[in-house]
Amino acid sequence: MKDSVVIEGLVAPYAQALLSVAQDGDLFDRFSQDSYALTELLSASSELSQLLENPIINPDIKKNVLRQVASEQLHPTMLNFIMLLVDRGRIAFLGRICERYQELVREINQTVLAEATSAIELSDSQKDSIRQKVIAMTGARSVELKTALDPELLGGVIIKVGSQVIDASLRGQLRRISIQLSSASSR
């Protein structure tokens, strides 16, 4: 718990600074795209993440690798920001800084993040239905929906919005029936 508070204390000012630069330079949407691209890049490449997190590796090597893998995708100001993180020894927090930036953007846009996990790929109409239900539940202006697959659910969907979890999966329903049956048999 203490570590997460310390990390958030390091991450928040950088994310806020990035947001300020984005707003001042009319780069709000572009930085949002760049931050998503960076988080995807980091999650897709454990080697890159390990390289950036390793304090022994020379900062110039980190900068060269980052320029090679990201310079064509990113706005030059975003790339400069990343180089600043390397210089300050904070590049290991890049993924979390991007995530915090995305959270700040969602707050400004009155958008909530919903995560839907299903056994099979959701259709566009199912995704729209989930978005509408989340809007009705939260009162948000819009919903950013992330989807994931989990074949162990058997069917249905689990929706997570913040700390709320709505389990409409077949596995969840079977678990609830099992609990009801076991409590009824113990009476």
Protein backbone atom coordinates (compact mmCIF):
# COMPACT_ATOMS: atom_id res chain seq x y z
CA MET A 1 0.00 0.00 0.00
CA LYS A 2 2.76 2.40 0.95
CA ASP A 3 4.60 1.72 -2.32
CA SER A 4 1.51 2.52 -4.39
CA VAL A 5 1.11 5.85 -2.59
CA VAL A 6 4.74 6.70 -3.28
CA ILE A 7 4.43 5.67 -6.93
CA GLU A 8 1.24 7.71 -7.33
CA GLY A 9 3.09 10.67 -5.78
CA LEU A 10 5.73 10.32 -8.50
CA VAL A 11 3.32 9.63 -11.35
CA ALA A 12 0.62 12.24 -10.75
CA PRO A 13 2.74 15.39 -11.25
CA TYR A 14 4.15 14.09 -14.53
CA ALA A 15 0.70 13.13 -15.81
CA GLN A 16 -0.65 16.53 -14.76
CA ALA A 17 2.27 18.30 -16.48
CA LEU A 18 1.62 16.30 -19.64
CA LEU A 19 -2.04 17.30 -19.48
CA SER A 20 -1.10 20.98 -19.08
CA VAL A 21 1.22 20.84 -22.08
CA ALA A 22 -1.50 19.09 -24.08
CA GLN A 23 -4.10 21.72 -23.21
CA ASP A 24 -1.75 24.63 -23.87
CA GLY A 25 -0.63 23.26 -27.23
CA ASP A 26 -4.06 22.02 -28.38
CA LEU A 27 -2.64 18.48 -28.32
CA PHE A 28 -5.23 16.94 -26.02
CA ASP A 29 -6.50 14.28 -28.44
CA ARG A 30 -3.08 13.61 -29.96
CA PHE A 31 -1.50 12.97 -26.55
CA SER A 32 -4.41 10.69 -25.72
CA GLN A 33 -3.66 8.64 -28.83
CA ASP A 34 0.05 8.65 -28.03
CA SER A 35 -0.51 7.55 -24.42
CA TYR A 36 -2.67 4.63 -25.59
CA ALA A 37 -0.04 3.66 -28.16
CA LEU A 38 2.65 3.74 -25.48
CA THR A 39 0.69 1.63 -23.01
CA GLU A 40 -0.02 -0.91 -25.75
CA LEU A 41 3.63 -0.93 -26.77
CA LEU A 42 4.77 -1.50 -23.20
CA SER A 43 2.24 -4.25 -22.55
CA ALA A 44 3.06 -5.97 -25.85
CA SER A 45 6.84 -5.94 -25.28
CA SER A 46 8.08 -7.23 -21.97
CA GLU A 47 11.65 -6.77 -23.28
CA LEU A 48 11.09 -3.04 -23.75
CA SER A 49 9.50 -2.72 -20.32
CA GLN A 50 12.41 -4.56 -18.72
CA LEU A 51 14.93 -2.41 -20.54
CA LEU A 52 13.25 0.82 -19.40
CA GLU A 53 12.88 -0.38 -15.81
CA ASN A 54 16.51 -1.52 -15.49
CA PRO A 55 18.46 1.20 -13.65
CA ILE A 56 21.81 -0.24 -14.78
CA ILE A 57 21.19 0.37 -18.47
CA ASN A 58 22.66 3.63 -19.74
CA PRO A 59 20.03 6.36 -20.31
CA ASP A 60 21.43 7.02 -23.81
CA ILE A 61 20.70 3.41 -24.76
CA LYS A 62 17.14 3.80 -23.47
CA LYS A 63 16.71 7.01 -25.48
CA ASN A 64 18.02 5.39 -28.67
CA VAL A 65 15.72 2.40 -28.28
CA LEU A 66 12.72 4.66 -27.60
CA ARG A 67 13.51 6.80 -30.64
CA GLN A 68 13.72 3.67 -32.80
CA VAL A 69 10.46 2.13 -31.64
CA ALA A 70 8.31 5.19 -31.06
CA SER A 71 9.56 8.32 -32.84
CA GLU A 72 7.45 7.82 -35.98
CA GLN A 73 4.27 7.14 -33.99
CA LEU A 74 4.53 9.92 -31.42
CA HIS A 75 4.16 13.66 -31.55
CA PRO A 76 7.58 15.32 -31.13
CA THR A 77 6.49 16.97 -27.88
CA MET A 78 5.45 13.59 -26.47
CA LEU A 79 8.79 12.13 -27.51
CA ASN A 80 10.57 15.03 -25.75
CA PHE A 81 8.51 14.32 -22.64
CA ILE A 82 9.62 10.69 -22.72
CA MET A 83 13.26 11.75 -23.08
CA LEU A 84 12.78 13.99 -20.03
CA LEU A 85 11.53 10.96 -18.10
CA VAL A 86 14.69 9.10 -19.07
CA ASP A 87 16.87 12.05 -17.99
CA ARG A 88 15.11 12.27 -14.63
CA GLY A 89 15.25 8.52 -13.99
CA ARG A 90 11.46 8.18 -14.15
CA ILE A 91 11.10 6.25 -17.40
CA ALA A 92 10.20 3.09 -15.47
CA PHE A 93 6.92 4.85 -14.61
CA LEU A 94 6.02 5.65 -18.25
CA GLY A 95 3.17 3.14 -18.41
CA ARG A 96 1.62 4.36 -15.17
CA ILE A 97 2.06 8.02 -16.20
CA CYS A 98 0.23 7.29 -19.46
CA GLU A 99 -2.55 5.50 -17.57
CA ARG A 100 -2.90 8.43 -15.15
CA TYR A 101 -2.99 10.86 -18.08
CA GLN A 102 -5.81 8.79 -19.59
CA GLU A 103 -7.67 8.92 -16.26
CA LEU A 104 -7.35 12.72 -16.19
CA VAL A 105 -8.65 12.95 -19.76
CA ARG A 106 -11.63 10.74 -18.86
CA GLU A 107 -12.39 12.98 -15.87
CA ILE A 108 -12.35 16.09 -18.06
CA ASN A 109 -14.51 14.43 -20.73
CA GLN A 110 -16.88 12.92 -18.12
CA THR A 111 -16.10 9.48 -19.46
CA VAL A 112 -15.98 6.30 -17.41
CA LEU A 113 -13.87 3.26 -18.11
CA ALA A 114 -15.76 -0.01 -18.24
CA GLU A 115 -14.09 -3.38 -18.64
CA ALA A 116 -16.17 -6.17 -20.12
CA THR A 117 -14.93 -9.75 -19.95
CA SER A 118 -16.81 -12.37 -21.94
CA ALA A 119 -16.38 -15.96 -23.06
CA ILE A 120 -16.64 -15.00 -26.74
CA GLU A 121 -16.04 -11.83 -28.73
CA LEU A 122 -18.83 -9.27 -28.19
CA SER A 123 -20.71 -7.92 -31.18
CA ASP A 124 -20.92 -4.18 -31.81
CA SER A 125 -24.56 -4.14 -30.70
CA GLN A 126 -23.64 -5.93 -27.46
CA LYS A 127 -20.87 -3.40 -26.83
CA ASP A 128 -23.30 -0.54 -27.46
CA SER A 129 -25.80 -2.11 -25.08
CA ILE A 130 -23.14 -2.36 -22.37
CA ARG A 131 -22.15 1.27 -22.94
CA GLN A 132 -25.77 2.42 -22.61
CA LYS A 133 -26.27 0.43 -19.39
CA VAL A 134 -23.07 1.88 -17.92
CA ILE A 135 -24.13 5.43 -18.87
CA ALA A 136 -27.50 4.83 -17.17
CA MET A 137 -25.77 3.38 -14.11
CA THR A 138 -23.10 6.09 -13.72
CA GLY A 139 -24.59 9.20 -15.31
CA ALA A 140 -21.40 9.66 -17.34
CA ARG A 141 -21.44 11.45 -20.68
CA SER A 142 -19.72 8.55 -22.44
CA VAL A 143 -18.10 5.17 -21.81
CA GLU A 144 -14.72 3.89 -22.85
CA LEU A 145 -15.15 0.14 -23.15
CA LYS A 146 -12.24 -2.28 -22.92
CA THR A 147 -13.00 -5.88 -23.72
CA ALA A 148 -11.25 -9.10 -22.81
CA LEU A 149 -11.92 -12.78 -23.42
CA ASP A 150 -12.08 -15.48 -20.74
CA PRO A 151 -13.34 -18.84 -22.03
CA GLU A 152 -13.73 -20.07 -18.44
CA LEU A 153 -16.80 -17.83 -18.04
CA LEU A 154 -18.72 -20.36 -20.19
CA GLY A 155 -21.09 -17.59 -21.32
CA GLY A 156 -22.36 -14.15 -20.40
CA VAL A 157 -20.26 -11.18 -19.36
CA ILE A 158 -18.59 -9.58 -16.35
CA ILE A 159 -18.60 -5.78 -16.38
CA LYS A 160 -16.31 -3.78 -14.12
CA VAL A 161 -16.78 -0.04 -13.65
CA GLY A 162 -14.44 1.37 -11.04
CA SER A 163 -14.93 -0.77 -7.95
CA GLN A 164 -18.35 -2.06 -9.07
CA VAL A 165 -18.53 -5.51 -10.63
CA ILE A 166 -21.60 -6.83 -12.41
CA ASP A 167 -21.28 -10.57 -12.88
CA ALA A 168 -23.74 -11.74 -15.51
CA SER A 169 -21.60 -14.71 -16.51
CA LEU A 170 -22.80 -18.29 -16.56
CA ARG A 171 -19.97 -19.23 -14.20
CA GLY A 172 -21.12 -16.53 -11.75
CA GLN A 173 -24.73 -17.68 -11.96
CA LEU A 174 -23.70 -21.28 -11.30
CA ARG A 175 -21.63 -20.14 -8.31
CA ARG A 176 -24.60 -18.21 -6.88
CA ILE A 177 -26.91 -21.22 -7.34
CA SER A 178 -24.34 -23.44 -5.61
CA ILE A 179 -24.16 -21.04 -2.66
CA GLN A 180 -27.96 -20.92 -2.42
CA LEU A 181 -28.19 -24.70 -2.52
CA SER A 182 -25.50 -25.20 0.10
CA SER A 183 -27.09 -22.64 2.44
CA ALA A 184 -30.54 -24.20 1.93
CA SER A 185 -29.21 -27.69 2.69
CA SER A 186 -27.52 -26.49 5.92
CA ARG A 187 -30.83 -25.24 7.38
